[in-house]
Amino acid sequence: MRKLKLQMHVSVDGFASAGPNDPQEWVTWALEDIYNDVLALGDSTDTILIGRKLAVDYIPYWTETLKNPADPMHAFAERIVAARKIIFSKTLTQAEWENTEISAGDLGDSVRQLKAEAGKDIIVYGGTEFVSNLIAEGLIDEFHFFVNPVALGKGEPVFSARESWQSLKLERCKSFPSGLVLLVYSKA
């Protein structure tokens, strides 16, 4: 069975967003630190799950990035554009992007079916509400948190939809010169 992996930037105090329309200026984009880890995680997957709210900006951004071979994120853009992307939406009826499908079915049933398919693992990068719903359904198997050296004080936590606590097992921890810390957890 394939695993569903989450990669997300969070603050030290556990927020993945400062709120609606967060420009994410608080995120440490230290590519020289984390790029190889991001690529390695991406290489372990062949399918991306994404909510509609994020998809409308996310997919076009990486499609444009792919057009510029000099862009430092070009190798990552290659992976995003080539991957199978599944947008979960109750309002979109047609995918307008390459390698993209729409799923309007039950989130839990749809993801469990995807996990049962043959292939590499599956990844989700965000947004906060979509990820929170995946967590509440117990669907995420690995959590790859890039903890940023900033406290937001308030915002949107990724575990907000859980009705009870969840035990996690630390798989690895890696610190970077920028102050970022990568914490990788699995479900306990």
Foldseek 3Di string as FASTA:
>chain_A
DAAEEEEAEAAPVFARALAPPGPPPLDDPPCVWCVVVVVVVLVQAQEEEEEPVCVVPVLVVLVVLCVDPVDPCNVVSVSSLRGQYEYEDCPDDDDPHPNYYYDPDDPLVVLVVVRPDDDGHYYYHDDQVVLLVCVQSVRHFKYWYWYGHDDSPDHGHNVVNHPDDFDWDWPDWDATPNGIIITMIGGD
